[in-house]
N, C-alpha and C. Protein backbone atom coordinates (compact mmCIF):
# COMPACT_ATOMS: atom_id res chain seq x y z
N UNK A 1 -27.60 -3.66 99.50
CA UNK A 1 -28.89 -3.79 98.92
C UNK A 1 -28.84 -3.54 97.42
N UNK A 2 -28.07 -2.54 96.99
CA UNK A 2 -27.95 -2.25 95.57
C UNK A 2 -27.35 -3.44 94.83
N UNK A 3 -26.40 -4.10 95.48
CA UNK A 3 -25.78 -5.28 94.86
C UNK A 3 -26.81 -6.39 94.69
N UNK A 4 -27.68 -6.55 95.66
CA UNK A 4 -28.68 -7.59 95.59
C UNK A 4 -29.67 -7.32 94.46
N UNK A 5 -30.10 -6.04 94.33
CA UNK A 5 -31.01 -5.66 93.23
C UNK A 5 -30.33 -5.91 91.87
N UNK A 6 -29.08 -5.50 91.82
CA UNK A 6 -28.34 -5.69 90.56
C UNK A 6 -28.24 -7.17 90.20
N UNK A 7 -27.92 -8.00 91.18
CA UNK A 7 -27.80 -9.43 90.92
C UNK A 7 -29.15 -10.04 90.56
N UNK A 8 -30.23 -9.57 91.19
CA UNK A 8 -31.57 -10.06 90.88
C UNK A 8 -31.96 -9.69 89.46
N UNK A 9 -31.72 -8.45 89.06
CA UNK A 9 -32.02 -8.01 87.68
C UNK A 9 -31.16 -8.76 86.67
N UNK A 10 -29.92 -8.98 87.01
CA UNK A 10 -29.02 -9.73 86.13
C UNK A 10 -29.51 -11.16 85.95
N UNK A 11 -29.95 -11.80 87.03
CA UNK A 11 -30.45 -13.18 86.96
C UNK A 11 -31.72 -13.24 86.12
N UNK A 12 -32.62 -12.26 86.29
CA UNK A 12 -33.86 -12.24 85.50
C UNK A 12 -33.53 -12.03 84.02
N UNK A 13 -32.63 -11.13 83.75
CA UNK A 13 -32.23 -10.87 82.36
C UNK A 13 -31.61 -12.10 81.70
N UNK A 14 -30.77 -12.78 82.44
CA UNK A 14 -30.13 -13.99 81.89
C UNK A 14 -31.15 -15.10 81.67
N UNK A 15 -32.10 -15.23 82.58
CA UNK A 15 -33.11 -16.28 82.39
C UNK A 15 -34.00 -15.99 81.21
N UNK A 16 -34.32 -14.72 80.96
CA UNK A 16 -35.14 -14.36 79.79
C UNK A 16 -34.38 -14.63 78.49
N UNK A 17 -33.10 -14.29 78.48
CA UNK A 17 -32.33 -14.53 77.26
C UNK A 17 -32.13 -16.03 77.04
N UNK A 18 -32.05 -16.81 78.11
CA UNK A 18 -31.93 -18.26 77.96
C UNK A 18 -33.21 -18.84 77.38
N UNK A 19 -34.36 -18.29 77.75
CA UNK A 19 -35.64 -18.76 77.19
C UNK A 19 -35.70 -18.49 75.69
N UNK A 20 -35.21 -17.33 75.28
CA UNK A 20 -35.21 -16.99 73.86
C UNK A 20 -34.31 -17.95 73.08
N UNK A 21 -33.18 -18.32 73.65
CA UNK A 21 -32.27 -19.24 72.98
C UNK A 21 -32.87 -20.63 72.87
N UNK A 22 -33.64 -21.05 73.89
CA UNK A 22 -34.27 -22.37 73.83
C UNK A 22 -35.24 -22.45 72.66
N UNK A 23 -35.97 -21.37 72.41
CA UNK A 23 -36.92 -21.35 71.29
C UNK A 23 -36.18 -21.52 69.96
N UNK A 24 -35.05 -20.85 69.84
CA UNK A 24 -34.29 -20.93 68.60
C UNK A 24 -33.73 -22.31 68.37
N UNK A 25 -33.32 -23.02 69.41
CA UNK A 25 -32.74 -24.34 69.26
C UNK A 25 -33.78 -25.39 68.92
N UNK A 26 -35.04 -25.16 69.32
CA UNK A 26 -36.06 -26.17 69.07
C UNK A 26 -36.51 -26.17 67.62
N UNK A 27 -36.23 -25.10 66.89
CA UNK A 27 -36.60 -25.02 65.47
C UNK A 27 -35.33 -24.86 64.64
N UNK A 28 -34.71 -25.95 64.23
CA UNK A 28 -33.49 -25.81 63.42
C UNK A 28 -33.83 -25.20 62.07
N UNK A 29 -32.88 -24.53 61.46
CA UNK A 29 -33.16 -23.90 60.15
C UNK A 29 -33.48 -24.96 59.10
N UNK A 30 -34.36 -24.57 58.17
CA UNK A 30 -34.73 -25.48 57.08
C UNK A 30 -33.54 -25.79 56.19
N UNK A 31 -32.73 -24.77 55.95
CA UNK A 31 -31.56 -24.93 55.08
C UNK A 31 -30.31 -25.04 55.96
N UNK A 32 -29.65 -26.20 55.98
CA UNK A 32 -28.47 -26.35 56.84
C UNK A 32 -27.35 -25.39 56.48
N UNK A 33 -27.36 -24.84 55.26
CA UNK A 33 -26.32 -23.90 54.88
C UNK A 33 -26.51 -22.56 55.59
N UNK A 34 -27.76 -22.28 56.08
CA UNK A 34 -28.01 -21.05 56.81
C UNK A 34 -27.44 -21.11 58.22
N UNK A 35 -27.27 -22.31 58.76
CA UNK A 35 -26.73 -22.45 60.09
C UNK A 35 -25.23 -22.16 60.04
N UNK A 36 -24.83 -21.07 60.66
CA UNK A 36 -23.44 -20.63 60.59
C UNK A 36 -22.50 -21.51 61.43
N UNK A 37 -23.08 -22.38 62.28
CA UNK A 37 -22.23 -23.23 63.11
C UNK A 37 -21.69 -24.43 62.34
N UNK A 38 -22.28 -24.74 61.18
CA UNK A 38 -21.79 -25.87 60.39
C UNK A 38 -20.45 -25.49 59.76
N UNK A 39 -19.53 -26.40 59.79
CA UNK A 39 -18.23 -26.18 59.19
C UNK A 39 -18.15 -27.06 57.96
N UNK A 40 -17.91 -26.45 56.83
CA UNK A 40 -17.81 -27.22 55.59
C UNK A 40 -16.40 -27.78 55.46
N UNK A 41 -16.33 -29.04 55.09
CA UNK A 41 -15.06 -29.68 54.84
C UNK A 41 -14.63 -29.31 53.44
N UNK A 42 -13.46 -28.71 53.28
CA UNK A 42 -13.04 -28.33 51.93
C UNK A 42 -12.79 -29.58 51.08
N UNK A 43 -13.24 -29.54 49.85
CA UNK A 43 -13.03 -30.63 48.91
C UNK A 43 -11.76 -30.31 48.13
N UNK A 44 -10.82 -31.22 48.19
CA UNK A 44 -9.56 -31.02 47.49
C UNK A 44 -9.63 -31.77 46.17
N UNK A 45 -9.46 -31.05 45.09
CA UNK A 45 -9.47 -31.66 43.77
C UNK A 45 -8.10 -32.28 43.52
N UNK A 46 -8.11 -33.42 42.87
CA UNK A 46 -6.88 -34.15 42.62
C UNK A 46 -6.79 -34.55 41.16
N UNK A 47 -5.60 -34.90 40.77
CA UNK A 47 -5.36 -35.52 39.48
C UNK A 47 -4.88 -36.94 39.74
N UNK A 48 -5.11 -37.81 38.78
CA UNK A 48 -4.68 -39.21 38.90
C UNK A 48 -3.79 -39.53 37.71
N UNK A 49 -2.66 -40.16 37.96
CA UNK A 49 -1.76 -40.58 36.90
C UNK A 49 -1.84 -42.09 36.77
N UNK A 50 -2.09 -42.56 35.56
CA UNK A 50 -2.12 -43.99 35.25
C UNK A 50 -0.96 -44.27 34.29
N UNK A 51 -0.09 -45.18 34.66
CA UNK A 51 1.13 -45.44 33.90
C UNK A 51 0.96 -46.65 32.99
N UNK A 52 1.63 -46.59 31.86
CA UNK A 52 1.63 -47.72 30.94
C UNK A 52 2.96 -47.79 30.22
N UNK A 53 3.32 -49.00 29.81
CA UNK A 53 4.53 -49.22 29.01
C UNK A 53 4.09 -49.76 27.67
N UNK A 54 5.05 -49.98 26.82
CA UNK A 54 4.73 -50.51 25.50
C UNK A 54 4.11 -51.90 25.59
N UNK A 55 4.50 -52.65 26.61
CA UNK A 55 4.00 -54.02 26.71
C UNK A 55 3.00 -54.23 27.85
N UNK A 56 2.72 -53.20 28.66
CA UNK A 56 1.80 -53.35 29.78
C UNK A 56 0.90 -52.13 29.90
N UNK A 57 -0.36 -52.31 29.56
CA UNK A 57 -1.33 -51.22 29.64
C UNK A 57 -2.42 -51.49 30.65
N UNK A 58 -2.12 -52.30 31.67
CA UNK A 58 -3.18 -52.70 32.61
C UNK A 58 -3.76 -51.50 33.36
N UNK A 59 -2.95 -50.50 33.69
CA UNK A 59 -3.46 -49.34 34.42
C UNK A 59 -4.37 -48.47 33.55
N UNK A 60 -4.25 -48.57 32.25
CA UNK A 60 -5.09 -47.73 31.40
C UNK A 60 -6.17 -48.55 30.68
N UNK A 61 -6.53 -49.69 31.25
CA UNK A 61 -7.65 -50.43 30.69
C UNK A 61 -8.91 -49.56 30.82
N UNK A 62 -9.80 -49.71 29.88
CA UNK A 62 -11.00 -48.86 29.84
C UNK A 62 -11.80 -48.96 31.13
N UNK A 63 -11.98 -50.17 31.66
CA UNK A 63 -12.74 -50.32 32.91
C UNK A 63 -12.07 -49.59 34.07
N UNK A 64 -10.76 -49.62 34.12
CA UNK A 64 -10.03 -48.92 35.18
C UNK A 64 -10.23 -47.42 35.07
N UNK A 65 -10.12 -46.90 33.87
CA UNK A 65 -10.32 -45.45 33.66
C UNK A 65 -11.75 -45.06 34.02
N UNK A 66 -12.72 -45.85 33.60
CA UNK A 66 -14.12 -45.55 33.93
C UNK A 66 -14.34 -45.54 35.44
N UNK A 67 -13.68 -46.44 36.15
CA UNK A 67 -13.80 -46.49 37.61
C UNK A 67 -13.32 -45.17 38.22
N UNK A 68 -12.15 -44.68 37.77
CA UNK A 68 -11.63 -43.42 38.30
C UNK A 68 -12.49 -42.23 37.89
N UNK A 69 -13.07 -42.28 36.71
CA UNK A 69 -13.95 -41.18 36.26
C UNK A 69 -15.20 -41.07 37.13
N UNK A 70 -15.66 -42.19 37.69
CA UNK A 70 -16.93 -42.22 38.41
C UNK A 70 -16.82 -41.92 39.90
N UNK A 71 -15.62 -41.84 40.46
CA UNK A 71 -15.48 -41.61 41.89
C UNK A 71 -15.91 -40.19 42.22
N UNK A 72 -16.82 -40.08 43.21
CA UNK A 72 -17.39 -38.78 43.57
C UNK A 72 -17.02 -38.39 45.00
N UNK A 73 -16.98 -37.08 45.24
CA UNK A 73 -16.87 -36.52 46.59
C UNK A 73 -18.24 -36.56 47.26
N UNK A 74 -18.28 -36.19 48.53
CA UNK A 74 -19.55 -36.16 49.27
C UNK A 74 -20.54 -35.19 48.64
N UNK A 75 -20.05 -34.11 48.04
CA UNK A 75 -20.94 -33.12 47.45
C UNK A 75 -21.38 -33.47 46.03
N UNK A 76 -20.96 -34.62 45.53
CA UNK A 76 -21.35 -35.07 44.20
C UNK A 76 -20.40 -34.65 43.09
N UNK A 77 -19.37 -33.87 43.42
CA UNK A 77 -18.40 -33.49 42.41
C UNK A 77 -17.40 -34.63 42.22
N UNK A 78 -16.69 -34.60 41.12
CA UNK A 78 -15.72 -35.65 40.83
C UNK A 78 -14.47 -35.49 41.70
N UNK A 79 -13.95 -36.58 42.19
CA UNK A 79 -12.72 -36.57 43.00
C UNK A 79 -11.54 -36.16 42.13
N UNK A 80 -11.46 -36.71 40.93
CA UNK A 80 -10.32 -36.45 40.06
C UNK A 80 -10.70 -35.46 38.97
N UNK A 81 -10.01 -34.31 38.99
CA UNK A 81 -10.22 -33.32 37.93
C UNK A 81 -9.75 -33.87 36.59
N UNK A 82 -8.54 -34.40 36.59
CA UNK A 82 -7.94 -34.90 35.35
C UNK A 82 -7.29 -36.25 35.62
N UNK A 83 -7.47 -37.15 34.68
CA UNK A 83 -6.81 -38.45 34.74
C UNK A 83 -5.78 -38.45 33.61
N UNK A 84 -4.52 -38.58 34.00
CA UNK A 84 -3.43 -38.55 33.03
C UNK A 84 -2.98 -39.96 32.69
N UNK A 85 -2.77 -40.22 31.43
CA UNK A 85 -2.14 -41.46 30.98
C UNK A 85 -0.68 -41.12 30.70
N UNK A 86 0.22 -41.79 31.42
CA UNK A 86 1.64 -41.45 31.37
C UNK A 86 2.44 -42.63 30.83
N UNK A 87 3.11 -42.45 29.68
CA UNK A 87 3.96 -43.53 29.17
C UNK A 87 5.25 -43.63 29.97
N UNK A 88 5.72 -44.85 30.14
CA UNK A 88 6.96 -45.11 30.87
C UNK A 88 7.86 -45.95 29.98
N UNK A 89 9.11 -45.53 29.87
CA UNK A 89 10.06 -46.32 29.07
C UNK A 89 10.12 -45.86 27.63
N UNK A 90 10.76 -46.71 26.83
CA UNK A 90 10.96 -46.42 25.41
C UNK A 90 9.88 -47.12 24.60
N UNK A 91 9.35 -46.41 23.63
CA UNK A 91 8.30 -46.97 22.78
C UNK A 91 8.82 -47.14 21.36
N UNK A 92 8.48 -48.26 20.79
CA UNK A 92 8.75 -48.53 19.38
C UNK A 92 10.23 -48.47 19.06
N UNK A 93 11.06 -48.97 19.96
CA UNK A 93 12.50 -48.98 19.75
C UNK A 93 12.88 -50.20 18.91
N UNK A 94 14.03 -50.18 18.24
CA UNK A 94 14.41 -51.28 17.35
C UNK A 94 14.46 -52.64 18.04
N UNK A 95 14.75 -52.66 19.31
CA UNK A 95 14.83 -53.95 19.97
C UNK A 95 13.46 -54.56 20.27
N UNK A 96 12.41 -53.81 20.04
CA UNK A 96 11.08 -54.37 20.32
C UNK A 96 10.25 -54.47 19.05
N UNK A 97 9.89 -53.40 18.47
CA UNK A 97 9.12 -53.39 17.22
C UNK A 97 9.74 -52.36 16.30
N UNK A 98 10.43 -52.81 15.31
CA UNK A 98 11.11 -51.89 14.41
C UNK A 98 10.22 -51.56 13.21
N UNK A 99 9.07 -50.99 13.49
CA UNK A 99 8.18 -50.61 12.40
C UNK A 99 7.41 -49.36 12.81
N UNK A 100 7.47 -48.33 11.98
CA UNK A 100 6.81 -47.07 12.34
C UNK A 100 5.28 -47.21 12.48
N UNK A 101 4.69 -48.25 11.91
CA UNK A 101 3.25 -48.42 12.03
C UNK A 101 2.80 -48.56 13.48
N UNK A 102 3.68 -49.00 14.34
CA UNK A 102 3.30 -49.19 15.75
C UNK A 102 2.94 -47.87 16.41
N UNK A 103 3.54 -46.78 15.94
CA UNK A 103 3.20 -45.46 16.45
C UNK A 103 1.75 -45.13 16.13
N UNK A 104 1.37 -45.39 14.90
CA UNK A 104 -0.01 -45.15 14.45
C UNK A 104 -0.98 -46.08 15.17
N UNK A 105 -0.60 -47.34 15.32
CA UNK A 105 -1.47 -48.30 15.99
C UNK A 105 -1.71 -47.93 17.46
N UNK A 106 -0.70 -47.38 18.10
CA UNK A 106 -0.86 -46.97 19.50
C UNK A 106 -1.94 -45.90 19.62
N UNK A 107 -1.95 -44.98 18.68
CA UNK A 107 -2.99 -43.95 18.71
C UNK A 107 -4.34 -44.56 18.38
N UNK A 108 -4.42 -45.26 17.27
CA UNK A 108 -5.70 -45.75 16.77
C UNK A 108 -6.34 -46.80 17.68
N UNK A 109 -5.54 -47.72 18.21
CA UNK A 109 -6.11 -48.86 18.94
C UNK A 109 -6.02 -48.76 20.45
N UNK A 110 -5.33 -47.78 20.97
CA UNK A 110 -5.14 -47.73 22.41
C UNK A 110 -5.51 -46.35 22.97
N UNK A 111 -4.82 -45.34 22.54
CA UNK A 111 -4.92 -44.04 23.20
C UNK A 111 -6.18 -43.25 22.83
N UNK A 112 -6.51 -43.23 21.56
CA UNK A 112 -7.64 -42.40 21.13
C UNK A 112 -8.95 -42.85 21.77
N UNK A 113 -9.16 -44.14 21.88
CA UNK A 113 -10.38 -44.66 22.50
C UNK A 113 -10.49 -44.20 23.95
N UNK A 114 -9.38 -44.15 24.65
CA UNK A 114 -9.40 -43.75 26.05
C UNK A 114 -9.57 -42.24 26.20
N UNK A 115 -8.90 -41.48 25.36
CA UNK A 115 -9.05 -40.01 25.39
C UNK A 115 -10.50 -39.63 25.10
N UNK A 116 -11.15 -40.36 24.23
CA UNK A 116 -12.54 -40.04 23.86
C UNK A 116 -13.56 -40.39 24.94
N UNK A 117 -13.16 -41.10 25.99
CA UNK A 117 -14.08 -41.43 27.07
C UNK A 117 -14.58 -40.19 27.81
N UNK A 118 -13.70 -39.19 27.96
CA UNK A 118 -14.06 -38.01 28.74
C UNK A 118 -13.07 -36.88 28.46
N UNK A 119 -13.54 -35.64 28.52
CA UNK A 119 -12.61 -34.52 28.38
C UNK A 119 -11.67 -34.38 29.59
N UNK A 120 -11.93 -35.14 30.65
CA UNK A 120 -11.06 -35.11 31.82
C UNK A 120 -9.88 -36.06 31.68
N UNK A 121 -9.77 -36.75 30.59
CA UNK A 121 -8.63 -37.66 30.35
C UNK A 121 -7.66 -36.97 29.42
N UNK A 122 -6.39 -36.94 29.82
CA UNK A 122 -5.35 -36.28 29.04
C UNK A 122 -4.08 -37.13 29.05
N UNK A 123 -3.20 -36.79 28.15
CA UNK A 123 -1.89 -37.39 28.13
C UNK A 123 -0.92 -36.56 28.93
N UNK A 124 0.13 -37.21 29.41
CA UNK A 124 1.18 -36.52 30.15
C UNK A 124 2.44 -37.35 30.01
N UNK A 125 3.56 -36.68 29.88
CA UNK A 125 4.82 -37.41 29.77
C UNK A 125 5.30 -37.46 28.32
N UNK A 126 6.37 -38.20 28.12
CA UNK A 126 7.07 -38.21 26.83
C UNK A 126 7.06 -39.59 26.20
N UNK A 127 6.69 -39.63 24.94
CA UNK A 127 6.87 -40.85 24.14
C UNK A 127 8.26 -40.82 23.57
N UNK A 128 9.10 -41.77 24.00
CA UNK A 128 10.46 -41.87 23.48
C UNK A 128 10.43 -42.93 22.39
N UNK A 129 10.65 -42.50 21.17
CA UNK A 129 10.56 -43.42 20.03
C UNK A 129 11.86 -43.36 19.24
N UNK A 130 11.91 -44.20 18.23
CA UNK A 130 13.01 -44.09 17.27
C UNK A 130 12.94 -42.72 16.62
N UNK A 131 14.08 -42.12 16.44
CA UNK A 131 14.09 -40.85 15.70
C UNK A 131 13.58 -41.12 14.29
N UNK A 132 12.71 -40.29 13.84
CA UNK A 132 12.13 -40.45 12.51
C UNK A 132 10.72 -41.00 12.53
N UNK A 133 10.36 -41.78 13.54
CA UNK A 133 9.00 -42.32 13.59
C UNK A 133 7.94 -41.23 13.63
N UNK A 134 8.10 -40.19 14.46
CA UNK A 134 7.07 -39.16 14.46
C UNK A 134 6.91 -38.46 13.12
N UNK A 135 7.97 -38.41 12.33
CA UNK A 135 7.84 -37.75 11.02
C UNK A 135 7.16 -38.66 10.00
N UNK A 136 7.25 -39.99 10.17
CA UNK A 136 6.57 -40.91 9.27
C UNK A 136 5.07 -40.81 9.46
N UNK A 137 4.66 -40.77 10.71
CA UNK A 137 3.23 -40.65 11.03
C UNK A 137 3.01 -39.32 11.76
N UNK A 138 3.30 -38.22 11.09
CA UNK A 138 3.29 -36.92 11.73
C UNK A 138 1.90 -36.53 12.24
N UNK A 139 0.84 -36.96 11.56
CA UNK A 139 -0.51 -36.62 12.06
C UNK A 139 -0.75 -37.26 13.43
N UNK A 140 -0.26 -38.47 13.60
CA UNK A 140 -0.42 -39.15 14.89
C UNK A 140 0.41 -38.49 15.97
N UNK A 141 1.62 -38.10 15.65
CA UNK A 141 2.45 -37.44 16.67
C UNK A 141 1.88 -36.07 17.02
N UNK A 142 1.31 -35.36 16.06
CA UNK A 142 0.66 -34.08 16.35
C UNK A 142 -0.57 -34.30 17.24
N UNK A 143 -1.31 -35.37 16.96
CA UNK A 143 -2.47 -35.69 17.80
C UNK A 143 -2.02 -35.94 19.24
N UNK A 144 -0.90 -36.66 19.40
CA UNK A 144 -0.38 -36.94 20.75
C UNK A 144 0.00 -35.65 21.47
N UNK A 145 0.63 -34.74 20.77
CA UNK A 145 1.02 -33.46 21.37
C UNK A 145 -0.24 -32.65 21.72
N UNK A 146 -1.23 -32.64 20.85
CA UNK A 146 -2.47 -31.91 21.13
C UNK A 146 -3.18 -32.45 22.36
N UNK A 147 -2.97 -33.71 22.69
CA UNK A 147 -3.64 -34.33 23.83
C UNK A 147 -2.78 -34.40 25.09
N UNK A 148 -1.64 -33.69 25.07
CA UNK A 148 -0.88 -33.52 26.30
C UNK A 148 0.47 -34.18 26.38
N UNK A 149 0.76 -35.12 25.51
CA UNK A 149 2.05 -35.80 25.56
C UNK A 149 3.11 -34.98 24.82
N UNK A 150 4.35 -35.30 25.06
CA UNK A 150 5.44 -34.83 24.21
C UNK A 150 5.95 -36.04 23.45
N UNK A 151 6.61 -35.80 22.35
CA UNK A 151 7.15 -36.89 21.54
C UNK A 151 8.64 -36.61 21.34
N UNK A 152 9.44 -37.52 21.86
CA UNK A 152 10.90 -37.48 21.74
C UNK A 152 11.54 -36.24 22.38
N UNK A 153 10.91 -35.71 23.42
CA UNK A 153 11.53 -34.63 24.18
C UNK A 153 12.84 -35.14 24.81
N UNK A 154 12.86 -36.40 25.14
CA UNK A 154 14.06 -37.02 25.70
C UNK A 154 15.27 -36.79 24.78
N UNK A 155 15.10 -37.03 23.46
CA UNK A 155 16.21 -36.88 22.52
C UNK A 155 16.63 -35.42 22.40
N UNK A 156 15.67 -34.52 22.44
CA UNK A 156 16.00 -33.09 22.37
C UNK A 156 16.79 -32.68 23.60
N UNK A 157 16.37 -33.17 24.77
CA UNK A 157 17.11 -32.88 26.00
C UNK A 157 18.53 -33.43 25.93
N UNK A 158 18.69 -34.63 25.36
CA UNK A 158 20.02 -35.23 25.22
C UNK A 158 20.91 -34.38 24.31
N UNK A 159 20.35 -33.91 23.21
CA UNK A 159 21.11 -33.05 22.30
C UNK A 159 21.52 -31.75 22.99
N UNK A 160 20.61 -31.17 23.75
CA UNK A 160 20.91 -29.93 24.46
C UNK A 160 22.01 -30.12 25.51
N UNK A 161 21.99 -31.27 26.20
CA UNK A 161 23.03 -31.53 27.19
C UNK A 161 24.39 -31.75 26.56
N UNK A 162 24.40 -32.43 25.41
CA UNK A 162 25.66 -32.70 24.72
C UNK A 162 26.26 -31.47 24.08
N UNK A 163 25.43 -30.48 23.77
CA UNK A 163 25.94 -29.28 23.12
C UNK A 163 26.47 -28.25 24.11
N UNK A 164 26.36 -28.51 25.40
CA UNK A 164 26.85 -27.56 26.42
C UNK A 164 28.33 -27.66 26.62
């Protein structure tokens, strides 16, 4: 008999608590962030690298960069924290353009306009040029270093390897 009373009280208690839960489910919270059952998907911030050579800048066309700048996550934040413009190959070498002005023109007509689009655009990588070009247009090479690139690090690395 005691077992029967216990089971009856247990059943009544469970049914009352079930009624309370039904009331809570019928009125969802106004703020979905208050509902602890929601699981937030972590947003992973990324960087994007756009490559260019002395003769091919298709990846760093202004429209392409603007497209990457505008991509948003579900929460409205930007997908790409930083968009890097990365040079590939040798720039301004004697076999292509043997004139130091090309170093200045690269900054004035190509890179500076793109860097000015957003503070999220930076340089990355090394400009390999003729030795002496950065000293002819030193303000331009300093500008490149200030914006994330290195200039002729390749040659310095070569000298360091040869001196070992």
